[in-house]
């Protein structure tokens, strides 16, 4: 609190750093163990895995068809299996059809593919509004879709997780699978963003 009794806004990143430093100084956490956890979520679990699935689907027509027909098996083939990916359905965005994912009951989310869910995904306002007014919510999030684009909202649950196969950006036909991975975002695989060419 400040001298006048009001609470000052301290950015979350500074609070996190201060808490980490305090816990380290008191011997309650090991910085190396914390770094290992962060590395796990950045490289072994997270949006990078989902991006690899999408890039493979963009560059391999047989894999793309398999992913859309049996997402769980196609994803497992690439080695991405575990909690939250027991049953995954992939849906494809096209110029006339757009898919977006929500979990209206809680925050079911394919962690193994997309990493930790963003705070907005867990927010009750997003969970309630995206179902009722998807076009308006997407516009508020920075994604404007033409009026003739059909929007389908998919509700994740404990039984099924959804993965959006975003449209491949024009002008990326010469990029390799590895180069494409770097273009793909978590938000595009949830359906709240479109991808742009580099």
N, C-alpha and C. Protein backbone atom coordinates (compact mmCIF):
# COMPACT_ATOMS: atom_id res chain seq x y z
N UNK A 1 0.83 -1.18 0.00
CA UNK A 1 0.00 0.00 0.00
C UNK A 1 0.88 1.24 0.00
N UNK A 2 0.35 2.27 -0.61
CA UNK A 2 1.08 3.53 -0.62
C UNK A 2 0.83 4.28 0.68
N UNK A 3 1.50 5.41 0.86
CA UNK A 3 1.37 6.19 2.08
C UNK A 3 -0.06 6.66 2.30
N UNK A 4 -0.82 6.86 1.23
CA UNK A 4 -2.20 7.33 1.39
C UNK A 4 -3.20 6.19 1.54
N UNK A 5 -2.74 4.97 1.63
CA UNK A 5 -3.60 3.82 1.88
C UNK A 5 -4.14 3.14 0.64
N UNK A 6 -3.86 3.67 -0.54
CA UNK A 6 -4.33 3.02 -1.76
C UNK A 6 -3.33 1.96 -2.21
N UNK A 7 -3.82 1.00 -2.95
CA UNK A 7 -2.94 -0.06 -3.46
C UNK A 7 -2.35 0.39 -4.78
N UNK A 8 -1.05 0.29 -4.88
CA UNK A 8 -0.39 0.63 -6.13
C UNK A 8 -0.39 -0.60 -7.03
N UNK A 9 -0.50 -0.36 -8.32
CA UNK A 9 -0.48 -1.48 -9.26
C UNK A 9 0.97 -1.87 -9.54
N UNK A 10 1.29 -3.09 -9.21
CA UNK A 10 2.62 -3.63 -9.50
C UNK A 10 2.43 -4.67 -10.59
N UNK A 11 3.15 -4.54 -11.70
CA UNK A 11 3.00 -5.49 -12.80
C UNK A 11 3.21 -6.93 -12.33
N UNK A 12 2.40 -7.87 -12.86
CA UNK A 12 2.54 -9.28 -12.46
C UNK A 12 3.95 -9.82 -12.64
N UNK A 13 4.66 -9.39 -13.68
CA UNK A 13 6.01 -9.90 -13.91
C UNK A 13 6.94 -9.53 -12.76
N UNK A 14 6.80 -8.32 -12.23
CA UNK A 14 7.64 -7.92 -11.09
C UNK A 14 7.27 -8.68 -9.83
N UNK A 15 5.97 -8.89 -9.61
CA UNK A 15 5.54 -9.66 -8.44
C UNK A 15 6.06 -11.09 -8.54
N UNK A 16 6.01 -11.66 -9.75
CA UNK A 16 6.49 -13.03 -9.95
C UNK A 16 7.98 -13.13 -9.66
N UNK A 17 8.75 -12.18 -10.19
CA UNK A 17 10.20 -12.18 -9.95
C UNK A 17 10.52 -12.03 -8.47
N UNK A 18 9.80 -11.16 -7.78
CA UNK A 18 10.04 -10.95 -6.34
C UNK A 18 9.71 -12.22 -5.56
N UNK A 19 8.59 -12.86 -5.90
CA UNK A 19 8.20 -14.09 -5.22
C UNK A 19 9.21 -15.20 -5.48
N UNK A 20 9.66 -15.32 -6.72
CA UNK A 20 10.67 -16.33 -7.05
C UNK A 20 11.95 -16.10 -6.26
N UNK A 21 12.39 -14.86 -6.20
CA UNK A 21 13.62 -14.53 -5.47
C UNK A 21 13.47 -14.85 -3.98
N UNK A 22 12.34 -14.50 -3.40
CA UNK A 22 12.10 -14.77 -1.98
C UNK A 22 12.09 -16.28 -1.70
N UNK A 23 11.38 -17.04 -2.53
CA UNK A 23 11.31 -18.48 -2.33
C UNK A 23 12.67 -19.14 -2.52
N UNK A 24 13.46 -18.62 -3.45
CA UNK A 24 14.82 -19.14 -3.68
C UNK A 24 15.70 -18.84 -2.48
N UNK A 25 15.66 -17.60 -2.00
CA UNK A 25 16.49 -17.20 -0.86
C UNK A 25 16.17 -18.03 0.38
N UNK A 26 14.94 -18.42 0.55
CA UNK A 26 14.54 -19.20 1.72
C UNK A 26 14.72 -20.70 1.50
N UNK A 27 15.22 -21.07 0.33
CA UNK A 27 15.49 -22.47 0.05
C UNK A 27 14.25 -23.31 -0.22
N UNK A 28 13.16 -22.66 -0.55
CA UNK A 28 11.92 -23.39 -0.79
C UNK A 28 11.78 -23.89 -2.23
N UNK A 29 12.50 -23.25 -3.15
CA UNK A 29 12.52 -23.74 -4.53
C UNK A 29 13.95 -23.71 -5.05
N UNK A 30 14.20 -24.57 -6.00
CA UNK A 30 15.51 -24.64 -6.65
C UNK A 30 15.37 -23.97 -8.01
N UNK A 31 16.12 -22.91 -8.28
CA UNK A 31 16.00 -22.22 -9.57
C UNK A 31 16.22 -23.14 -10.77
N UNK A 32 17.09 -24.14 -10.63
CA UNK A 32 17.32 -25.08 -11.73
C UNK A 32 16.07 -25.92 -12.00
N UNK A 33 15.39 -26.32 -10.93
CA UNK A 33 14.16 -27.10 -11.10
C UNK A 33 13.07 -26.24 -11.75
N UNK A 34 13.00 -24.99 -11.35
CA UNK A 34 12.03 -24.07 -11.95
C UNK A 34 12.33 -23.85 -13.43
N UNK A 35 13.61 -23.68 -13.77
CA UNK A 35 14.01 -23.53 -15.17
C UNK A 35 13.65 -24.78 -15.98
N UNK A 36 13.81 -25.94 -15.37
CA UNK A 36 13.48 -27.20 -16.06
C UNK A 36 11.98 -27.27 -16.35
N UNK A 37 11.17 -26.82 -15.41
CA UNK A 37 9.72 -26.81 -15.63
C UNK A 37 9.36 -25.87 -16.77
N UNK A 38 9.96 -24.69 -16.76
CA UNK A 38 9.69 -23.71 -17.82
C UNK A 38 10.12 -24.27 -19.18
N UNK A 39 11.29 -24.88 -19.22
CA UNK A 39 11.77 -25.47 -20.48
C UNK A 39 10.82 -26.56 -20.96
N UNK A 40 10.31 -27.37 -20.04
CA UNK A 40 9.37 -28.42 -20.41
C UNK A 40 8.15 -27.82 -21.10
N UNK A 41 7.60 -26.76 -20.52
CA UNK A 41 6.40 -26.16 -21.11
C UNK A 41 6.70 -25.40 -22.40
N UNK A 42 7.93 -24.94 -22.56
CA UNK A 42 8.28 -24.23 -23.79
C UNK A 42 8.63 -25.17 -24.93
N UNK A 43 9.18 -26.34 -24.62
CA UNK A 43 9.68 -27.22 -25.69
C UNK A 43 8.99 -28.57 -25.76
N UNK A 44 8.68 -29.18 -24.62
CA UNK A 44 8.10 -30.52 -24.63
C UNK A 44 6.58 -30.51 -24.64
N UNK A 45 6.01 -29.52 -24.00
CA UNK A 45 4.57 -29.37 -23.90
C UNK A 45 4.28 -27.95 -24.34
N UNK A 46 3.30 -27.77 -25.14
CA UNK A 46 2.96 -26.40 -25.45
C UNK A 46 2.68 -26.13 -26.90
N UNK A 47 2.53 -24.86 -27.23
CA UNK A 47 2.13 -24.48 -28.58
C UNK A 47 3.06 -25.01 -29.67
N UNK A 48 4.32 -25.25 -29.33
CA UNK A 48 5.25 -25.77 -30.32
C UNK A 48 4.79 -27.14 -30.83
N UNK A 49 4.26 -27.97 -29.94
CA UNK A 49 3.77 -29.28 -30.36
C UNK A 49 2.59 -29.15 -31.32
N UNK A 50 1.64 -28.31 -30.96
CA UNK A 50 0.49 -28.08 -31.84
C UNK A 50 0.93 -27.51 -33.17
N UNK A 51 1.90 -26.59 -33.14
CA UNK A 51 2.41 -25.99 -34.38
C UNK A 51 3.05 -27.05 -35.28
N UNK A 52 3.72 -28.02 -34.69
CA UNK A 52 4.31 -29.10 -35.49
C UNK A 52 3.22 -29.94 -36.17
N UNK A 53 2.13 -30.17 -35.46
CA UNK A 53 1.00 -30.92 -36.04
C UNK A 53 0.43 -30.14 -37.22
N UNK A 54 0.20 -28.85 -37.03
CA UNK A 54 -0.38 -28.02 -38.09
C UNK A 54 0.55 -27.94 -39.30
N UNK A 55 1.83 -27.70 -39.07
CA UNK A 55 2.78 -27.60 -40.18
C UNK A 55 2.85 -28.91 -40.96
N UNK A 56 2.82 -30.03 -40.26
CA UNK A 56 2.81 -31.34 -40.93
C UNK A 56 1.56 -31.47 -41.80
N UNK A 57 0.41 -31.05 -41.27
CA UNK A 57 -0.84 -31.14 -42.03
C UNK A 57 -0.81 -30.23 -43.26
N UNK A 58 -0.17 -29.10 -43.14
CA UNK A 58 -0.07 -28.17 -44.28
C UNK A 58 0.83 -28.71 -45.39
N UNK A 59 1.83 -29.50 -45.03
CA UNK A 59 2.82 -29.94 -46.02
C UNK A 59 2.63 -31.39 -46.48
N UNK A 60 1.73 -32.11 -45.84
CA UNK A 60 1.52 -33.52 -46.15
C UNK A 60 0.02 -33.78 -46.23
N UNK A 61 -0.50 -33.85 -47.46
CA UNK A 61 -1.94 -34.01 -47.66
C UNK A 61 -2.51 -35.26 -47.01
N UNK A 62 -1.77 -36.37 -47.04
CA UNK A 62 -2.25 -37.60 -46.41
C UNK A 62 -2.37 -37.40 -44.90
N UNK A 63 -1.38 -36.76 -44.31
CA UNK A 63 -1.43 -36.51 -42.86
C UNK A 63 -2.60 -35.58 -42.54
N UNK A 64 -2.80 -34.56 -43.35
CA UNK A 64 -3.90 -33.62 -43.13
C UNK A 64 -5.24 -34.36 -43.09
N UNK A 65 -5.47 -35.22 -44.08
CA UNK A 65 -6.72 -35.98 -44.12
C UNK A 65 -6.85 -36.88 -42.89
N UNK A 66 -5.75 -37.50 -42.49
CA UNK A 66 -5.76 -38.37 -41.31
C UNK A 66 -6.07 -37.55 -40.06
N UNK A 67 -5.45 -36.39 -39.92
CA UNK A 67 -5.68 -35.52 -38.77
C UNK A 67 -7.16 -35.14 -38.67
N UNK A 68 -7.76 -34.80 -39.80
CA UNK A 68 -9.17 -34.39 -39.79
C UNK A 68 -10.10 -35.58 -39.58
N UNK A 69 -9.65 -36.77 -39.97
CA UNK A 69 -10.46 -37.98 -39.81
C UNK A 69 -10.31 -38.61 -38.43
N UNK A 70 -9.10 -38.62 -37.90
CA UNK A 70 -8.81 -39.23 -36.60
C UNK A 70 -7.69 -38.46 -35.92
N UNK A 71 -8.04 -37.31 -35.36
CA UNK A 71 -7.05 -36.42 -34.76
C UNK A 71 -6.19 -37.10 -33.71
N UNK A 72 -6.80 -37.90 -32.87
CA UNK A 72 -6.06 -38.55 -31.79
C UNK A 72 -4.93 -39.42 -32.34
N UNK A 73 -5.24 -40.26 -33.32
CA UNK A 73 -4.23 -41.16 -33.88
C UNK A 73 -3.14 -40.39 -34.62
N UNK A 74 -3.54 -39.37 -35.38
CA UNK A 74 -2.56 -38.59 -36.15
C UNK A 74 -1.61 -37.84 -35.22
N UNK A 75 -2.15 -37.30 -34.14
CA UNK A 75 -1.32 -36.57 -33.17
C UNK A 75 -0.40 -37.54 -32.42
N UNK A 76 -0.94 -38.69 -32.07
CA UNK A 76 -0.14 -39.71 -31.38
C UNK A 76 1.03 -40.16 -32.24
N UNK A 77 0.82 -40.24 -33.55
CA UNK A 77 1.88 -40.65 -34.48
C UNK A 77 3.10 -39.74 -34.39
N UNK A 78 2.87 -38.46 -34.07
CA UNK A 78 3.98 -37.52 -33.93
C UNK A 78 4.57 -37.53 -32.52
N UNK A 79 4.04 -38.39 -31.66
CA UNK A 79 4.59 -38.54 -30.32
C UNK A 79 3.97 -37.64 -29.27
N UNK A 80 2.90 -36.96 -29.62
CA UNK A 80 2.27 -36.05 -28.66
C UNK A 80 1.06 -36.73 -28.05
N UNK A 81 1.28 -37.36 -26.93
CA UNK A 81 0.20 -38.02 -26.23
C UNK A 81 0.36 -37.79 -24.75
N UNK A 82 -0.69 -38.01 -24.04
CA UNK A 82 -0.65 -37.81 -22.60
C UNK A 82 -1.94 -37.17 -22.13
N UNK A 83 -1.92 -36.70 -20.88
CA UNK A 83 -3.13 -36.07 -20.34
C UNK A 83 -3.62 -34.95 -21.25
N UNK A 84 -4.90 -34.84 -21.37
CA UNK A 84 -5.57 -33.81 -22.15
C UNK A 84 -5.52 -34.05 -23.66
N UNK A 85 -4.90 -35.15 -24.10
CA UNK A 85 -4.90 -35.45 -25.54
C UNK A 85 -5.40 -36.88 -25.80
N UNK A 86 -6.17 -37.42 -24.86
CA UNK A 86 -6.68 -38.77 -25.04
C UNK A 86 -7.64 -38.86 -26.22
N UNK A 87 -8.41 -37.79 -26.47
CA UNK A 87 -9.32 -37.77 -27.61
C UNK A 87 -9.37 -36.35 -28.15
N UNK A 88 -8.75 -36.14 -29.30
CA UNK A 88 -8.66 -34.81 -29.92
C UNK A 88 -9.33 -34.85 -31.28
N UNK A 89 -10.17 -33.88 -31.53
CA UNK A 89 -10.81 -33.71 -32.83
C UNK A 89 -10.23 -32.45 -33.46
N UNK A 90 -9.77 -32.58 -34.70
CA UNK A 90 -9.24 -31.43 -35.44
C UNK A 90 -10.29 -30.96 -36.44
N UNK A 91 -10.43 -29.65 -36.52
CA UNK A 91 -11.35 -29.02 -37.47
C UNK A 91 -10.57 -27.99 -38.27
N UNK A 92 -10.94 -27.82 -39.54
CA UNK A 92 -10.15 -26.99 -40.45
C UNK A 92 -10.84 -25.68 -40.79
N UNK A 93 -10.12 -24.58 -40.61
CA UNK A 93 -10.60 -23.28 -41.06
C UNK A 93 -10.38 -23.16 -42.56
N UNK A 94 -11.35 -22.56 -43.24
CA UNK A 94 -11.27 -22.32 -44.69
C UNK A 94 -11.70 -20.87 -44.93
N UNK A 95 -11.63 -20.41 -46.17
CA UNK A 95 -12.08 -19.04 -46.44
C UNK A 95 -13.56 -18.80 -46.12
N UNK A 96 -14.37 -19.86 -46.07
CA UNK A 96 -15.80 -19.69 -45.81
C UNK A 96 -16.28 -20.27 -44.49
N UNK A 97 -15.39 -20.93 -43.75
CA UNK A 97 -15.77 -21.58 -42.50
C UNK A 97 -14.68 -21.36 -41.45
N UNK A 98 -15.09 -20.86 -40.29
CA UNK A 98 -14.13 -20.58 -39.23
C UNK A 98 -14.56 -21.29 -37.95
N UNK A 99 -13.61 -21.93 -37.28
CA UNK A 99 -13.87 -22.67 -36.05
C UNK A 99 -13.18 -21.98 -34.88
N UNK A 100 -13.84 -22.00 -33.74
CA UNK A 100 -13.28 -21.44 -32.51
C UNK A 100 -13.63 -22.38 -31.37
N UNK A 101 -12.72 -22.48 -30.38
CA UNK A 101 -12.86 -23.44 -29.29
C UNK A 101 -13.08 -22.71 -27.97
N UNK A 102 -13.90 -23.33 -27.13
CA UNK A 102 -14.17 -22.83 -25.79
C UNK A 102 -14.45 -24.04 -24.90
N UNK A 103 -14.33 -23.85 -23.61
CA UNK A 103 -14.85 -24.84 -22.66
C UNK A 103 -15.83 -24.09 -21.79
N UNK A 104 -17.12 -24.31 -22.00
CA UNK A 104 -18.13 -23.53 -21.28
C UNK A 104 -18.25 -23.93 -19.82
N UNK A 105 -17.84 -25.13 -19.47
CA UNK A 105 -18.00 -25.60 -18.08
C UNK A 105 -16.81 -25.25 -17.19
N UNK A 106 -15.62 -25.33 -17.72
CA UNK A 106 -14.43 -25.06 -16.90
C UNK A 106 -13.35 -24.50 -17.80
N UNK A 107 -12.29 -25.25 -18.02
CA UNK A 107 -11.25 -24.78 -18.95
C UNK A 107 -10.51 -25.96 -19.57
N UNK A 108 -11.26 -26.98 -20.02
CA UNK A 108 -10.65 -28.13 -20.68
C UNK A 108 -9.86 -27.65 -21.89
N UNK A 109 -8.66 -28.16 -22.02
CA UNK A 109 -7.71 -27.58 -22.97
C UNK A 109 -6.62 -28.61 -23.27
N UNK A 110 -6.19 -28.77 -24.52
CA UNK A 110 -5.17 -29.77 -24.84
C UNK A 110 -3.75 -29.29 -24.51
N UNK A 111 -3.39 -29.33 -23.25
CA UNK A 111 -2.10 -28.82 -22.76
C UNK A 111 -0.93 -29.38 -23.55
N UNK A 112 -0.97 -30.66 -23.84
CA UNK A 112 0.15 -31.31 -24.53
C UNK A 112 0.42 -30.65 -25.88
N UNK A 113 -0.62 -30.10 -26.49
CA UNK A 113 -0.48 -29.48 -27.81
C UNK A 113 -0.33 -27.96 -27.74
N UNK A 114 -1.01 -27.33 -26.81
CA UNK A 114 -1.07 -25.87 -26.79
C UNK A 114 -0.44 -25.23 -25.56
N UNK A 115 0.08 -26.03 -24.65
CA UNK A 115 0.68 -25.47 -23.44
C UNK A 115 -0.38 -25.03 -22.45
N UNK A 116 0.01 -24.15 -21.56
CA UNK A 116 -0.92 -23.67 -20.55
C UNK A 116 -2.01 -22.81 -21.19
N UNK A 117 -3.25 -22.94 -20.73
CA UNK A 117 -4.30 -22.13 -21.32
C UNK A 117 -4.13 -20.66 -20.96
N UNK A 118 -4.40 -19.76 -21.90
CA UNK A 118 -4.30 -18.34 -21.59
C UNK A 118 -5.40 -17.93 -20.62
N UNK A 119 -5.18 -16.84 -19.91
CA UNK A 119 -6.16 -16.41 -18.90
C UNK A 119 -7.51 -16.10 -19.53
N UNK A 120 -7.54 -15.54 -20.73
CA UNK A 120 -8.82 -15.21 -21.36
C UNK A 120 -9.64 -16.47 -21.65
N UNK A 121 -8.97 -17.60 -21.90
CA UNK A 121 -9.68 -18.84 -22.20
C UNK A 121 -10.47 -19.33 -20.98
N UNK A 122 -9.94 -19.05 -19.80
CA UNK A 122 -10.58 -19.47 -18.55
C UNK A 122 -11.58 -18.44 -18.03
N UNK A 123 -11.58 -17.26 -18.62
CA UNK A 123 -12.41 -16.16 -18.15
C UNK A 123 -13.90 -16.48 -18.38
N UNK A 124 -14.73 -16.33 -17.34
CA UNK A 124 -16.16 -16.62 -17.50
C UNK A 124 -16.83 -15.81 -18.62
N UNK A 125 -16.38 -14.59 -18.84
CA UNK A 125 -16.98 -13.76 -19.90
C UNK A 125 -16.72 -14.39 -21.28
N UNK A 126 -15.48 -14.83 -21.53
CA UNK A 126 -15.18 -15.48 -22.81
C UNK A 126 -16.02 -16.75 -22.95
N UNK A 127 -16.04 -17.55 -21.90
CA UNK A 127 -16.73 -18.84 -21.95
C UNK A 127 -18.23 -18.67 -22.22
N UNK A 128 -18.82 -17.63 -21.69
CA UNK A 128 -20.26 -17.41 -21.89
C UNK A 128 -20.55 -16.71 -23.21
N UNK A 129 -19.77 -15.71 -23.55
CA UNK A 129 -20.09 -14.86 -24.70
C UNK A 129 -19.72 -15.48 -26.05
N UNK A 130 -18.63 -16.25 -26.12
CA UNK A 130 -18.20 -16.77 -27.42
C UNK A 130 -19.27 -17.68 -28.02
N UNK A 131 -20.05 -18.33 -27.18
CA UNK A 131 -21.11 -19.22 -27.65
C UNK A 131 -22.28 -18.41 -28.20
N UNK A 132 -22.62 -17.31 -27.54
CA UNK A 132 -23.79 -16.51 -27.92
C UNK A 132 -23.51 -15.52 -29.04
N UNK A 133 -22.34 -14.92 -29.01
CA UNK A 133 -22.01 -13.88 -29.98
C UNK A 133 -20.56 -14.02 -30.46
N UNK A 134 -20.26 -15.14 -31.15
CA UNK A 134 -18.87 -15.41 -31.52
C UNK A 134 -18.24 -14.33 -32.40
N UNK A 135 -18.98 -13.83 -33.37
CA UNK A 135 -18.41 -12.82 -34.28
C UNK A 135 -18.01 -11.56 -33.51
N UNK A 136 -18.85 -11.14 -32.60
CA UNK A 136 -18.57 -9.93 -31.81
C UNK A 136 -17.35 -10.15 -30.91
N UNK A 137 -17.29 -11.30 -30.24
CA UNK A 137 -16.15 -11.59 -29.35
C UNK A 137 -14.86 -11.67 -30.16
N UNK A 138 -14.89 -12.35 -31.30
CA UNK A 138 -13.69 -12.45 -32.13
C UNK A 138 -13.24 -11.07 -32.60
N UNK A 139 -14.17 -10.23 -32.97
CA UNK A 139 -13.82 -8.86 -33.38
C UNK A 139 -13.16 -8.11 -32.23
N UNK A 140 -13.71 -8.25 -31.03
CA UNK A 140 -13.12 -7.61 -29.85
C UNK A 140 -11.71 -8.12 -29.58
N UNK A 141 -11.44 -9.36 -29.98
CA UNK A 141 -10.12 -9.95 -29.79
C UNK A 141 -9.18 -9.64 -30.96
N UNK A 142 -9.67 -8.86 -31.92
CA UNK A 142 -8.83 -8.45 -33.04
C UNK A 142 -8.98 -9.26 -34.31
N UNK A 143 -9.95 -10.16 -34.35
CA UNK A 143 -10.16 -10.99 -35.54
C UNK A 143 -11.48 -10.61 -36.20
N UNK A 144 -11.40 -9.93 -37.32
CA UNK A 144 -12.59 -9.55 -38.07
C UNK A 144 -12.79 -10.54 -39.21
N UNK A 145 -13.94 -11.16 -39.23
CA UNK A 145 -14.28 -12.12 -40.28
C UNK A 145 -15.39 -11.53 -41.14
N UNK A 146 -15.34 -11.82 -42.43
CA UNK A 146 -16.38 -11.35 -43.34
C UNK A 146 -17.74 -11.91 -42.91
N UNK A 147 -18.79 -11.18 -43.23
CA UNK A 147 -20.14 -11.59 -42.83
C UNK A 147 -20.55 -12.94 -43.41
N UNK A 148 -19.97 -13.31 -44.56
CA UNK A 148 -20.35 -14.57 -45.19
C UNK A 148 -19.55 -15.77 -44.68
N UNK A 149 -18.64 -15.55 -43.73
CA UNK A 149 -17.88 -16.65 -43.13
C UNK A 149 -18.72 -17.27 -42.02
N UNK A 150 -18.95 -18.57 -42.13
CA UNK A 150 -19.72 -19.28 -41.10
C UNK A 150 -18.81 -19.57 -39.91
N UNK A 151 -19.27 -19.25 -38.71
CA UNK A 151 -18.48 -19.49 -37.50
C UNK A 151 -19.12 -20.65 -36.73
N UNK A 152 -18.28 -21.63 -36.38
CA UNK A 152 -18.73 -22.76 -35.58
C UNK A 152 -17.94 -22.76 -34.28
N UNK A 153 -18.66 -22.82 -33.15
CA UNK A 153 -18.03 -22.84 -31.84
C UNK A 153 -18.04 -24.28 -31.34
N UNK A 154 -16.86 -24.77 -30.91
CA UNK A 154 -16.73 -26.13 -30.39
C UNK A 154 -16.47 -26.07 -28.90
N UNK A 155 -17.22 -26.87 -28.15
CA UNK A 155 -17.13 -26.87 -26.69
C UNK A 155 -16.26 -28.05 -26.23
N UNK A 156 -15.06 -27.73 -25.74
CA UNK A 156 -14.19 -28.77 -25.19
C UNK A 156 -14.81 -29.33 -23.91
N UNK A 157 -14.47 -30.56 -23.62
CA UNK A 157 -14.99 -31.20 -22.41
C UNK A 157 -13.95 -32.20 -21.92
N UNK A 158 -14.29 -32.88 -20.84
CA UNK A 158 -13.36 -33.89 -20.33
C UNK A 158 -13.27 -35.08 -21.29
N UNK A 159 -14.25 -35.23 -22.19
CA UNK A 159 -14.23 -36.33 -23.14
C UNK A 159 -13.52 -35.99 -24.45
N UNK A 160 -13.55 -34.74 -24.86
CA UNK A 160 -12.98 -34.37 -26.16
C UNK A 160 -12.33 -32.99 -26.09
N UNK A 161 -11.15 -32.90 -26.70
CA UNK A 161 -10.46 -31.62 -26.86
C UNK A 161 -10.45 -31.30 -28.36
N UNK A 162 -10.46 -30.03 -28.68
CA UNK A 162 -10.51 -29.59 -30.07
C UNK A 162 -9.21 -28.89 -30.45
N UNK A 163 -8.81 -29.07 -31.70
CA UNK A 163 -7.66 -28.39 -32.27
C UNK A 163 -8.09 -27.79 -33.60
N UNK A 164 -7.90 -26.48 -33.75
CA UNK A 164 -8.23 -25.82 -35.01
C UNK A 164 -7.02 -25.89 -35.93
N UNK A 165 -7.25 -26.36 -37.15
CA UNK A 165 -6.23 -26.33 -38.19
C UNK A 165 -6.42 -25.01 -38.93
N UNK A 166 -5.58 -24.01 -38.62
CA UNK A 166 -5.78 -22.70 -39.23
C UNK A 166 -5.49 -22.71 -40.72
N UNK A 167 -6.00 -21.69 -41.41
CA UNK A 167 -5.69 -21.55 -42.83
C UNK A 167 -4.21 -21.24 -42.98
N UNK A 168 -3.60 -21.86 -43.96
CA UNK A 168 -2.19 -21.57 -44.25
C UNK A 168 -2.11 -20.19 -44.91
N UNK A 169 -1.25 -19.32 -44.40
CA UNK A 169 -1.16 -17.98 -44.99
C UNK A 169 -0.67 -18.03 -46.43
N UNK A 170 -1.25 -17.19 -47.30
CA UNK A 170 -0.75 -17.14 -48.67
C UNK A 170 0.70 -16.66 -48.69
N UNK A 171 1.43 -17.14 -49.67
CA UNK A 171 2.83 -16.74 -49.80
C UNK A 171 3.79 -17.60 -48.99
N UNK A 172 3.29 -18.68 -48.40
CA UNK A 172 4.16 -19.55 -47.59
C UNK A 172 4.42 -20.89 -48.28
N UNK A 173 4.05 -20.99 -49.54
CA UNK A 173 4.17 -22.26 -50.26
C UNK A 173 5.60 -22.77 -50.35
N UNK A 174 6.57 -21.88 -50.34
CA UNK A 174 7.97 -22.31 -50.48
C UNK A 174 8.64 -22.58 -49.13
N UNK A 175 7.94 -22.32 -48.04
CA UNK A 175 8.54 -22.53 -46.71
C UNK A 175 8.54 -24.01 -46.36
N UNK A 176 9.57 -24.42 -45.64
CA UNK A 176 9.67 -25.81 -45.17
C UNK A 176 8.74 -26.01 -43.97
N UNK A 177 8.55 -27.25 -43.63
CA UNK A 177 7.74 -27.58 -42.46
C UNK A 177 8.28 -26.89 -41.22
N UNK A 178 9.60 -26.92 -41.04
CA UNK A 178 10.23 -26.29 -39.87
C UNK A 178 10.02 -24.78 -39.87
N UNK A 179 10.09 -24.16 -41.04
CA UNK A 179 9.87 -22.72 -41.13
C UNK A 179 8.41 -22.36 -40.83
N UNK A 180 7.50 -23.21 -41.26
CA UNK A 180 6.08 -22.97 -41.00
C UNK A 180 5.76 -23.03 -39.51
N UNK A 181 6.43 -23.92 -38.79
CA UNK A 181 6.18 -24.06 -37.35
C UNK A 181 6.29 -22.71 -36.65
N UNK A 182 7.27 -21.91 -37.05
CA UNK A 182 7.49 -20.62 -36.42
C UNK A 182 6.40 -19.60 -36.67
N UNK A 183 5.54 -19.84 -37.65
CA UNK A 183 4.45 -18.90 -37.96
C UNK A 183 3.18 -19.18 -37.16
N UNK A 184 3.07 -20.39 -36.64
CA UNK A 184 1.81 -20.86 -36.08
C UNK A 184 1.71 -20.48 -34.60
N UNK A 185 0.59 -19.89 -34.24
CA UNK A 185 0.40 -19.42 -32.86
C UNK A 185 -0.65 -20.25 -32.13
N UNK A 186 -0.55 -20.21 -30.82
CA UNK A 186 -1.55 -20.87 -29.98
C UNK A 186 -2.94 -20.34 -30.30
N UNK A 187 -3.07 -19.01 -30.39
CA UNK A 187 -4.38 -18.41 -30.62
C UNK A 187 -5.00 -18.86 -31.94
N UNK A 188 -4.17 -19.10 -32.96
CA UNK A 188 -4.72 -19.57 -34.24
C UNK A 188 -5.23 -21.00 -34.12
N UNK A 189 -4.64 -21.79 -33.22
CA UNK A 189 -5.07 -23.18 -33.04
C UNK A 189 -6.28 -23.30 -32.12
N UNK A 190 -6.65 -22.18 -31.47
CA UNK A 190 -7.88 -22.10 -30.69
C UNK A 190 -8.97 -21.45 -31.55
N UNK A 191 -8.55 -20.71 -32.58
CA UNK A 191 -9.49 -20.10 -33.50
C UNK A 191 -9.82 -18.65 -33.22
N UNK A 192 -9.02 -17.99 -32.39
CA UNK A 192 -9.29 -16.58 -32.10
C UNK A 192 -8.36 -15.64 -32.86
N UNK A 193 -7.53 -16.20 -33.75
CA UNK A 193 -6.62 -15.38 -34.55
C UNK A 193 -6.39 -16.06 -35.89
N UNK A 194 -6.04 -15.25 -36.89
CA UNK A 194 -5.62 -15.76 -38.19
C UNK A 194 -4.13 -15.55 -38.30
N UNK A 195 -3.50 -16.35 -39.14
CA UNK A 195 -2.06 -16.25 -39.33
C UNK A 195 -1.75 -15.36 -40.52
N UNK A 196 -0.61 -14.71 -40.44
CA UNK A 196 -0.16 -13.84 -41.52
C UNK A 196 1.17 -14.37 -42.04
N UNK A 197 1.41 -14.12 -43.31
CA UNK A 197 2.69 -14.51 -43.91
C UNK A 197 3.80 -13.68 -43.30
N UNK A 198 5.03 -14.22 -43.26
CA UNK A 198 6.14 -13.47 -42.65
C UNK A 198 6.49 -12.22 -43.46
